[in-house]
Amino acid sequence: MGTLLKNISTLLTLAPAAAKGGRGVKEADLGILSNASLLIEKDKIAWVGTDKKLPKEFAKKNHKEINMKGRTVLPGFVECHTHLIFAGNRAAEFEMRNQGASYQEIAAKGGGILSTMKNTRSASLNDLVKTGQQRADHFISQGVTTLEIKSGYALNLKDELKCLQAGQKISGLRTVNTFLGAHALPPEYKTYEEYLSFLADEVLPVVAKKKLARRVDVFVEKGFFPVEASEKYLRKAQSLGFDLLVHADQLSLSGGSDLAVKLGALSGDHLLQVTEKEISSLAKSEVTAVLLPAADLYMKVKYPAARQMIDARARVALATDFNPGTSPTQDLNLVGLLARLEMKMTLPEVITAYTVGAAHALNLQGEVGSLEVGKSADILCIEQDWKTLFYSVGESSKKLVFQSGKKVFTNL
C-alpha cells in the first residue's frame, strides 16, 4: 500500500534539469506538470504524471490518497553547506565587523572559529544534539529534506568525533556528515602543516573506521591552510575513501578552486575571488560551484560571479553556510533572494541550484533533487504558486514535507 498525492495543480519534477546535470537550465527544465498526481511506495517515488494518465489499477490497490487541493509540489530542498553543530554564538563579533574589524583581525585576537571552539569542546554530546536538532527542525520547516553537516568547531580528536556523532543523531531528514577538522589552527599547534599532518595521520583513519563521515573539507586560504599542504592532506583523505570538497577562494584568489578541479572534488565552496580562468576550469569539470550569498552579505563583500559561471555552463548550488560567525542565518528565502537580486540568477536557476545542483554537491543526484520514479520520496508541498518562491524574506507559508516517503512536517 502506497500514498497517492492527487489534485496537484502544479508539479515541478525537475527531471529535465536533472538530465542536464543542473547546467544551463531554463524554465522548461523545471519539468512542470499541471493537474498531476504522484505515488509514493515505501520510501520511493513509484509514479508521477498528469491526472489523465493516472493508471486505473492504482484504485484497486487501496492506496492511501491525499487530496492536495490544488497545491504546488516540488522536490524537497537540499541544503548542502552548513556548520550545524556548534555551541555558543558570536554576536559580539558581528558588532566588531560592523565597526570595521576584518575576519583575519578578529581571528588574530582569539575570536572567530577559535572562540566557538572553546564552547564546543566544553559542550556535551547531548547538548550538541539538542541544539542541532532544533536547528535542523527549522530547516525542515522550510522544506529541507537533505542537510549537510560539517564538523570543524572542536579541532581535536575527541571533540571532533563528538561533533560528528552529534550530526549522525539528527533526525527528521537525510543528513550528510562532512569532516572539517581543517577549519582553523587550534592553539595546540604552531603551524598549519603540523596540524594537517596530525589530522591525516591520527584523525582521518579514526573517522573512516568509525564511519562518522564520508566527506572531507579544508579551508584553503591565505593566512589559513596553504594549497600545497592541503593537497597532500586531501590526497590522504582520498586514499581512505573520502569524497573531497574545498572552501575555496573566499577571501583571496588562493588556489582553492584549482585544487578542487585538480583532485576531482565534489564541490568548491564560496568562490568569490575566481576569475574567468577559474570559471572556465570549473565549467569543464564535474566540480559543483556552491555559492553562499548570505555569508557574503554578513561579511559585506562582493557576491560570486554566478551569472558568468552559469553562462559558462558551470553547475551551481546554493546554500546558507549557516554558522555562528559569518552567516548566522538559516533562511533559505534570504539566500535565494540574494541570488536573484545580487547574483542575477533567474528563479528557475535558483530552484535548480537548491535541488539538482545541491544534490550533485553531495553526490546524491541519483537519489534526490528531482521527482522521478525510483528516487527518494523527498517532497515539498506548498500553498503558493512556484513563481513566488525566493521572493519574500521571512516568508512562512503553509507546507507539507515528506522525507523518504514519511511526513516530517506540516502546518497545512
Protein backbone atom coordinates (compact mmCIF):
# COMPACT_ATOMS: atom_id res chain seq x y z
CA MET A 1 0.00 0.00 0.00
CA GLY A 2 1.34 3.40 -1.00
CA THR A 3 0.37 7.04 -0.69
CA LEU A 4 -1.13 8.81 -3.67
CA LEU A 5 -0.93 12.60 -3.82
CA LYS A 6 -3.81 13.75 -6.02
CA ASN A 7 -5.22 17.04 -7.28
CA ILE A 8 -1.82 18.77 -7.56
CA SER A 9 -2.31 21.98 -9.50
CA THR A 10 1.36 22.34 -10.48
CA LEU A 11 4.09 19.75 -10.06
CA LEU A 12 7.75 20.62 -10.70
CA THR A 13 9.60 17.37 -11.35
CA LEU A 14 12.98 18.98 -12.16
CA ALA A 15 13.58 15.87 -14.31
CA PRO A 16 14.83 17.83 -17.37
CA ALA A 17 17.19 19.84 -15.16
CA ALA A 18 18.48 16.60 -13.63
CA ALA A 19 19.04 15.14 -17.10
CA LYS A 20 21.19 18.19 -17.92
CA GLY A 21 23.20 17.77 -14.72
CA GLY A 22 21.84 21.08 -13.46
CA ARG A 23 23.65 23.06 -16.15
CA GLY A 24 22.20 25.79 -18.33
CA VAL A 25 18.65 25.42 -17.07
CA LYS A 26 15.62 27.32 -18.34
CA GLU A 27 12.03 27.36 -17.12
CA ALA A 28 11.19 24.36 -19.34
CA ASP A 29 13.78 22.32 -17.41
CA LEU A 30 11.66 22.54 -14.26
CA GLY A 31 9.52 19.77 -15.76
CA ILE A 32 6.23 21.49 -14.98
CA LEU A 33 3.09 19.31 -14.97
CA SER A 34 -0.41 20.67 -14.49
CA ASN A 35 -3.22 18.72 -12.79
CA ALA A 36 -0.86 15.99 -11.64
CA SER A 37 -0.55 13.07 -9.22
CA LEU A 38 2.37 11.34 -7.56
CA LEU A 39 2.53 7.88 -5.99
CA ILE A 40 4.79 7.05 -3.05
CA GLU A 41 5.54 3.40 -2.30
CA LYS A 42 7.61 2.79 0.80
CA ASP A 43 10.32 5.45 0.58
CA LYS A 44 10.44 5.87 -3.20
CA ILE A 45 8.52 7.60 -5.96
CA ALA A 46 6.62 4.90 -7.85
CA TRP A 47 4.75 7.03 -10.38
CA VAL A 48 4.44 10.65 -11.40
CA GLY A 49 2.35 12.23 -14.13
CA THR A 50 -0.82 14.05 -15.06
CA ASP A 51 -4.19 13.00 -13.67
CA LYS A 52 -5.32 11.97 -17.16
CA LYS A 53 -2.56 9.35 -17.29
CA LEU A 54 -3.10 8.05 -13.77
CA PRO A 55 -3.28 4.22 -14.07
CA LYS A 56 -6.70 2.86 -13.13
CA GLU A 57 -5.17 -0.06 -11.23
CA PHE A 58 -3.99 2.33 -8.52
CA ALA A 59 -7.57 2.48 -7.25
CA LYS A 60 -7.62 -1.31 -6.92
CA LYS A 61 -4.50 -1.35 -4.76
CA ASN A 62 -6.22 0.58 -1.97
CA HIS A 63 -3.58 3.30 -1.80
CA LYS A 64 -3.98 5.99 0.81
CA GLU A 65 -5.00 9.14 -1.02
CA ILE A 66 -4.12 12.69 0.00
CA ASN A 67 -6.02 15.47 -1.73
CA MET A 68 -3.51 18.24 -2.37
CA LYS A 69 -6.39 20.67 -3.04
CA GLY A 70 -4.66 22.39 -5.92
CA ARG A 71 -1.38 22.99 -4.16
CA THR A 72 2.09 23.08 -5.73
CA VAL A 73 4.54 20.18 -5.36
CA LEU A 74 8.30 20.19 -5.97
CA PRO A 75 11.38 18.30 -4.74
CA GLY A 76 12.47 18.83 -1.16
CA PHE A 77 15.28 21.34 -0.87
CA VAL A 78 18.86 20.15 -0.44
CA GLU A 79 20.89 22.31 1.97
CA CYS A 80 24.45 21.35 1.01
CA HIS A 81 26.68 23.57 3.18
CA THR A 82 26.07 24.12 6.90
CA HIS A 83 28.07 24.20 10.12
CA LEU A 84 25.08 22.98 12.14
CA ILE A 85 26.89 21.56 15.16
CA PHE A 86 28.39 24.17 17.48
CA ALA A 87 27.89 25.70 20.91
CA GLY A 88 27.50 29.36 21.83
CA ASN A 89 27.27 32.32 19.49
CA ARG A 90 29.48 35.11 18.16
CA ALA A 91 27.13 38.06 18.35
CA ALA A 92 29.90 40.27 19.76
CA GLU A 93 32.00 39.70 16.64
CA PHE A 94 29.11 40.81 14.48
CA GLU A 95 29.41 44.19 16.13
CA MET A 96 33.22 44.16 15.69
CA ARG A 97 32.88 43.53 11.96
CA ASN A 98 30.33 46.32 11.74
CA GLN A 99 32.91 48.63 13.33
CA GLY A 100 35.49 47.71 10.69
CA ALA A 101 37.41 44.69 12.01
CA SER A 102 38.34 42.13 9.33
CA TYR A 103 37.83 38.38 9.52
CA GLN A 104 41.58 37.90 9.93
CA GLU A 105 41.85 40.61 12.62
CA ILE A 106 39.09 39.02 14.67
CA ALA A 107 40.79 35.63 14.38
CA ALA A 108 44.13 37.10 15.44
CA LYS A 109 42.53 38.38 18.66
CA GLY A 110 41.32 34.91 19.60
CA GLY A 111 37.89 35.34 18.11
CA GLY A 112 36.34 33.70 15.11
CA ILE A 113 36.43 29.94 14.88
CA LEU A 114 38.64 29.58 17.97
CA SER A 115 36.01 31.31 20.10
CA THR A 116 33.41 28.77 19.05
CA MET A 117 35.98 26.02 19.55
CA LYS A 118 36.17 26.68 23.28
CA ASN A 119 32.40 26.50 23.71
CA THR A 120 32.04 23.43 21.51
CA ARG A 121 34.78 21.48 23.26
CA SER A 122 33.10 22.06 26.62
CA ALA A 123 29.59 21.16 25.40
CA SER A 124 28.25 17.65 25.99
CA LEU A 125 27.15 15.37 23.19
CA ASN A 126 23.57 15.65 24.38
CA ASP A 127 23.73 19.44 24.35
CA LEU A 128 25.08 19.48 20.81
CA VAL A 129 22.39 17.06 19.64
CA LYS A 130 19.64 19.09 21.32
CA THR A 131 20.64 22.41 19.76
CA GLY A 132 21.49 20.75 16.46
CA GLN A 133 18.06 19.13 16.28
CA GLN A 134 16.34 22.45 16.96
CA ARG A 135 18.26 23.99 14.06
CA ALA A 136 17.55 21.01 11.82
CA ASP A 137 13.83 21.25 12.61
CA HIS A 138 13.89 24.84 11.41
CA PHE A 139 15.43 23.73 8.13
CA ILE A 140 12.76 21.03 7.79
CA SER A 141 10.03 23.63 8.32
CA GLN A 142 11.35 25.42 5.23
CA GLY A 143 11.16 22.30 3.08
CA VAL A 144 14.70 20.99 3.50
CA THR A 145 14.83 17.19 3.27
CA THR A 146 18.60 16.69 2.93
CA LEU A 147 21.10 18.51 5.14
CA GLU A 148 24.89 18.61 5.06
CA ILE A 149 26.53 18.99 8.48
CA LYS A 150 30.19 19.94 8.91
CA SER A 151 32.35 19.42 11.96
CA GLY A 152 35.22 21.83 12.49
CA TYR A 153 34.43 23.68 15.70
CA ALA A 154 36.39 21.42 18.06
CA LEU A 155 39.74 20.94 16.28
CA ASN A 156 40.91 17.98 18.34
CA LEU A 157 40.32 14.25 18.04
CA LYS A 158 37.93 13.67 20.93
CA ASP A 159 35.62 16.59 20.33
CA GLU A 160 35.64 16.46 16.53
CA LEU A 161 34.41 12.88 16.87
CA LYS A 162 31.78 14.14 19.32
CA CYS A 163 30.55 16.68 16.78
CA LEU A 164 30.35 14.06 14.03
CA GLN A 165 28.44 11.75 16.38
CA ALA A 166 26.02 14.59 17.11
CA GLY A 167 25.48 15.10 13.39
CA GLN A 168 24.59 11.45 12.96
CA LYS A 169 21.95 11.70 15.70
CA ILE A 170 19.99 14.45 13.94
CA SER A 171 16.63 13.06 12.78
CA GLY A 172 13.73 14.02 10.54
CA LEU A 173 15.74 14.44 7.37
CA ARG A 174 18.64 12.90 5.48
CA THR A 175 21.97 14.08 6.90
CA VAL A 176 25.40 14.04 5.29
CA ASN A 177 28.35 14.46 7.64
CA THR A 178 31.49 16.27 6.47
CA PHE A 179 34.75 16.25 8.43
CA LEU A 180 36.14 19.80 8.52
CA GLY A 181 38.90 19.41 11.07
CA ALA A 182 40.97 21.63 8.76
CA HIS A 183 38.87 24.69 9.59
CA ALA A 184 41.35 26.72 11.65
CA LEU A 185 44.62 26.24 13.52
CA PRO A 186 43.98 25.17 17.14
CA PRO A 187 46.22 26.59 19.89
CA GLU A 188 47.92 23.23 20.42
CA TYR A 189 49.78 23.55 17.09
CA LYS A 190 52.23 26.12 15.77
CA THR A 191 51.88 25.57 12.03
CA TYR A 192 49.11 24.61 9.67
CA GLU A 193 51.32 21.93 8.15
CA GLU A 194 51.90 20.30 11.55
CA TYR A 195 48.18 20.30 12.28
CA LEU A 196 47.31 18.84 8.87
CA SER A 197 49.79 16.02 9.49
CA PHE A 198 48.05 15.29 12.79
CA LEU A 199 44.67 15.21 11.08
CA ALA A 200 45.93 12.99 8.28
CA ASP A 201 47.78 10.52 10.46
CA GLU A 202 45.66 10.33 13.60
CA VAL A 203 42.17 11.68 12.95
CA LEU A 204 41.15 10.70 9.41
CA PRO A 205 41.78 6.96 9.97
CA VAL A 206 39.54 7.03 13.07
CA VAL A 207 36.78 8.94 11.29
CA ALA A 208 36.95 6.43 8.43
CA LYS A 209 36.99 3.38 10.72
CA LYS A 210 34.03 4.63 12.77
CA LYS A 211 32.18 5.71 9.58
CA LEU A 212 31.39 9.09 11.08
CA ALA A 213 31.73 10.97 7.78
CA ARG A 214 32.22 10.20 4.12
CA ARG A 215 33.45 13.64 3.07
CA VAL A 216 36.48 15.79 3.95
CA ASP A 217 36.66 19.57 3.61
CA VAL A 218 39.51 22.06 4.09
CA PHE A 219 39.63 25.85 4.34
CA VAL A 220 42.21 26.76 1.70
CA GLU A 221 43.06 30.42 2.17
CA LYS A 222 45.98 32.79 2.60
CA GLY A 223 46.63 33.02 6.32
CA PHE A 224 44.90 29.69 6.83
CA PHE A 225 45.59 26.31 5.18
CA PRO A 226 48.08 26.59 2.28
CA VAL A 227 47.44 24.92 -1.06
CA GLU A 228 50.42 22.54 -1.07
CA ALA A 229 49.82 21.12 2.41
CA SER A 230 46.08 20.97 1.73
CA GLU A 231 46.64 18.93 -1.42
CA LYS A 232 48.75 16.40 0.47
CA TYR A 233 46.08 16.19 3.17
CA LEU A 234 43.23 15.76 0.70
CA ARG A 235 45.10 13.08 -1.20
CA LYS A 236 45.45 11.16 2.06
CA ALA A 237 41.71 11.56 2.64
CA GLN A 238 41.01 10.37 -0.89
CA SER A 239 43.16 7.28 -0.31
CA LEU A 240 40.97 6.45 2.71
CA GLY A 241 37.83 6.59 0.57
CA PHE A 242 36.56 10.06 1.43
CA ASP A 243 34.89 12.37 -1.08
CA LEU A 244 36.54 15.77 -1.22
CA LEU A 245 35.38 19.39 -1.14
CA VAL A 246 37.17 22.68 -0.66
CA HIS A 247 36.38 26.03 0.98
CA ALA A 248 37.86 27.87 -1.99
CA ASP A 249 38.88 31.39 -2.99
CA GLN A 250 36.67 33.17 -0.48
CA LEU A 251 38.91 35.91 0.88
CA SER A 252 41.58 35.85 -1.82
CA LEU A 253 42.44 34.01 -5.02
CA SER A 254 44.40 31.38 -3.13
CA GLY A 255 44.18 28.38 -5.47
CA GLY A 256 41.33 26.54 -3.82
CA SER A 257 39.13 26.17 -6.90
CA ASP A 258 42.08 24.96 -8.98
CA LEU A 259 42.83 22.39 -6.28
CA ALA A 260 39.20 21.24 -6.29
CA VAL A 261 39.32 20.69 -10.05
CA LYS A 262 42.73 19.02 -9.90
CA LEU A 263 41.61 16.47 -7.30
CA GLY A 264 38.11 15.90 -8.69
CA ALA A 265 36.38 17.30 -5.62
CA LEU A 266 32.59 17.22 -5.41
CA SER A 267 32.43 20.98 -4.82
CA GLY A 268 34.30 24.20 -4.46
CA ASP A 269 32.50 26.46 -1.99
CA HIS A 270 32.37 30.29 -1.76
CA LEU A 271 34.39 31.14 -4.94
CA LEU A 272 34.14 34.92 -4.55
CA GLN A 273 37.55 35.71 -6.00
CA VAL A 274 37.61 33.47 -9.06
CA THR A 275 38.40 34.98 -12.46
CA GLU A 276 37.38 33.95 -15.96
CA LYS A 277 40.22 31.41 -15.96
CA GLU A 278 38.97 29.56 -12.87
CA ILE A 279 35.34 29.78 -14.03
CA SER A 280 36.26 28.14 -17.33
CA SER A 281 38.09 25.37 -15.50
CA LEU A 282 35.15 24.78 -13.15
CA ALA A 283 32.70 24.69 -16.05
CA LYS A 284 34.68 21.97 -17.80
CA SER A 285 34.82 19.84 -14.64
CA GLU A 286 32.34 17.92 -12.50
CA VAL A 287 33.02 20.22 -9.53
CA THR A 288 29.84 21.92 -8.33
CA ALA A 289 30.20 25.61 -7.52
CA VAL A 290 28.49 26.06 -4.14
CA LEU A 291 27.63 29.74 -3.67
CA LEU A 292 26.85 31.19 -0.24
CA PRO A 293 25.50 34.73 -0.61
CA ALA A 294 24.21 35.06 2.96
CA ALA A 295 27.81 34.83 4.18
CA ASP A 296 28.79 37.49 1.65
CA LEU A 297 26.00 39.73 2.95
CA TYR A 298 27.16 39.35 6.55
CA MET A 299 30.80 39.92 5.64
CA LYS A 300 29.92 42.90 3.43
CA VAL A 301 31.95 41.67 0.47
CA LYS A 302 31.21 41.21 -3.20
CA TYR A 303 29.00 38.35 -4.36
CA PRO A 304 30.13 35.40 -6.50
CA ALA A 305 30.02 35.75 -10.27
CA ALA A 306 27.07 33.38 -10.58
CA ARG A 307 25.90 34.77 -13.91
CA GLN A 308 29.29 34.20 -15.53
CA MET A 309 29.53 30.71 -14.02
CA ILE A 310 26.10 29.68 -15.24
CA ASP A 311 26.62 31.17 -18.69
CA ALA A 312 29.89 29.22 -18.92
CA ARG A 313 27.81 26.10 -18.07
CA ALA A 314 29.29 25.50 -14.65
CA ARG A 315 26.95 23.66 -12.28
CA VAL A 316 25.86 25.90 -9.41
CA ALA A 317 24.36 25.13 -6.00
CA LEU A 318 23.14 27.48 -3.29
CA ALA A 319 23.29 27.05 0.50
CA THR A 320 23.02 29.08 3.69
CA ASP A 321 26.52 28.41 5.09
CA PHE A 322 24.72 28.52 8.44
CA ASN A 323 27.37 29.11 11.13
CA PRO A 324 27.74 31.23 14.28
CA GLY A 325 30.17 33.75 12.85
CA THR A 326 29.87 34.73 9.19
CA SER A 327 26.37 33.50 8.32
CA PRO A 328 24.17 33.08 11.41
CA THR A 329 21.01 32.58 9.36
CA GLN A 330 19.00 29.56 8.29
CA ASP A 331 16.73 31.50 5.95
CA LEU A 332 16.61 29.83 2.53
CA ASN A 333 14.47 32.67 1.21
CA LEU A 334 17.22 35.15 2.04
CA VAL A 335 19.75 33.05 0.14
CA GLY A 336 17.51 32.71 -2.90
CA LEU A 337 16.56 36.38 -2.88
CA LEU A 338 20.22 37.46 -2.74
CA ALA A 339 20.97 35.09 -5.60
CA ARG A 340 18.26 36.76 -7.67
CA LEU A 341 18.98 40.37 -6.69
CA GLU A 342 22.76 40.40 -6.34
CA MET A 343 23.92 37.43 -8.42
CA LYS A 344 21.48 37.87 -11.33
CA MET A 345 20.20 34.30 -11.17
CA THR A 346 16.77 33.53 -12.61
CA LEU A 347 14.14 31.86 -10.46
CA PRO A 348 14.43 28.53 -12.36
CA GLU A 349 18.20 28.68 -11.77
CA VAL A 350 17.71 29.29 -8.04
CA ILE A 351 15.23 26.40 -7.70
CA THR A 352 17.59 24.12 -9.62
CA ALA A 353 20.56 25.23 -7.51
CA TYR A 354 18.70 24.32 -4.31
CA THR A 355 17.66 20.90 -5.65
CA VAL A 356 19.60 19.33 -8.55
CA GLY A 357 22.77 21.39 -8.12
CA ALA A 358 22.92 20.85 -4.37
CA ALA A 359 22.26 17.12 -4.84
CA HIS A 360 25.34 16.93 -7.09
CA ALA A 361 27.39 18.77 -4.47
CA LEU A 362 26.58 15.94 -2.06
CA ASN A 363 26.96 13.18 -4.69
CA LEU A 364 23.29 12.31 -4.14
CA GLN A 365 21.98 13.19 -7.60
CA GLY A 366 20.83 9.60 -8.10
CA GLU A 367 18.61 9.79 -5.01
CA VAL A 368 17.36 13.35 -4.54
CA GLY A 369 16.94 16.69 -6.27
CA SER A 370 14.15 15.74 -8.69
CA LEU A 371 10.83 13.90 -8.54
CA GLU A 372 11.40 10.84 -10.73
CA VAL A 373 10.43 7.19 -10.46
CA GLY A 374 12.92 5.32 -8.30
CA LYS A 375 14.22 8.36 -6.48
CA SER A 376 13.62 9.07 -2.81
CA ALA A 377 10.17 10.48 -1.99
CA ASP A 378 11.56 13.78 -0.70
CA ILE A 379 8.69 16.10 -1.48
CA LEU A 380 7.70 19.66 -0.65
CA CYS A 381 4.04 20.70 -0.98
CA ILE A 382 3.29 24.43 -0.78
CA GLU A 383 0.23 26.61 -0.87
CA GLN A 384 1.58 29.31 -3.16
CA ASP A 385 2.44 29.42 -6.84
CA TRP A 386 6.05 28.36 -7.53
CA LYS A 387 6.78 31.78 -9.03
CA THR A 388 6.51 33.32 -5.57
CA LEU A 389 9.38 31.21 -4.23
CA PHE A 390 12.51 33.07 -3.11
CA TYR A 391 10.62 36.34 -3.31
CA SER A 392 9.95 37.40 0.29
CA VAL A 393 12.46 37.22 3.15
CA GLY A 394 11.00 35.59 6.24
CA GLU A 395 8.17 34.01 4.25
CA SER A 396 6.45 31.30 6.26
CA SER A 397 3.73 29.90 4.03
CA LYS A 398 1.97 26.65 4.81
CA LYS A 399 3.82 23.48 3.84
CA LEU A 400 3.69 19.69 3.88
CA VAL A 401 7.06 17.94 3.78
CA PHE A 402 7.81 14.28 3.06
CA GLN A 403 11.26 12.80 3.56
CA SER A 404 11.78 9.27 2.23
CA GLY A 405 8.01 8.94 2.00
CA LYS A 406 7.36 9.92 5.61
CA LYS A 407 5.54 13.07 6.63
CA VAL A 408 8.07 15.05 8.66
CA PHE A 409 6.42 18.47 8.80
CA THR A 410 3.06 20.05 8.13
CA ASN A 411 1.32 23.27 9.07
CA LEU A 412 -1.44 22.93 6.48
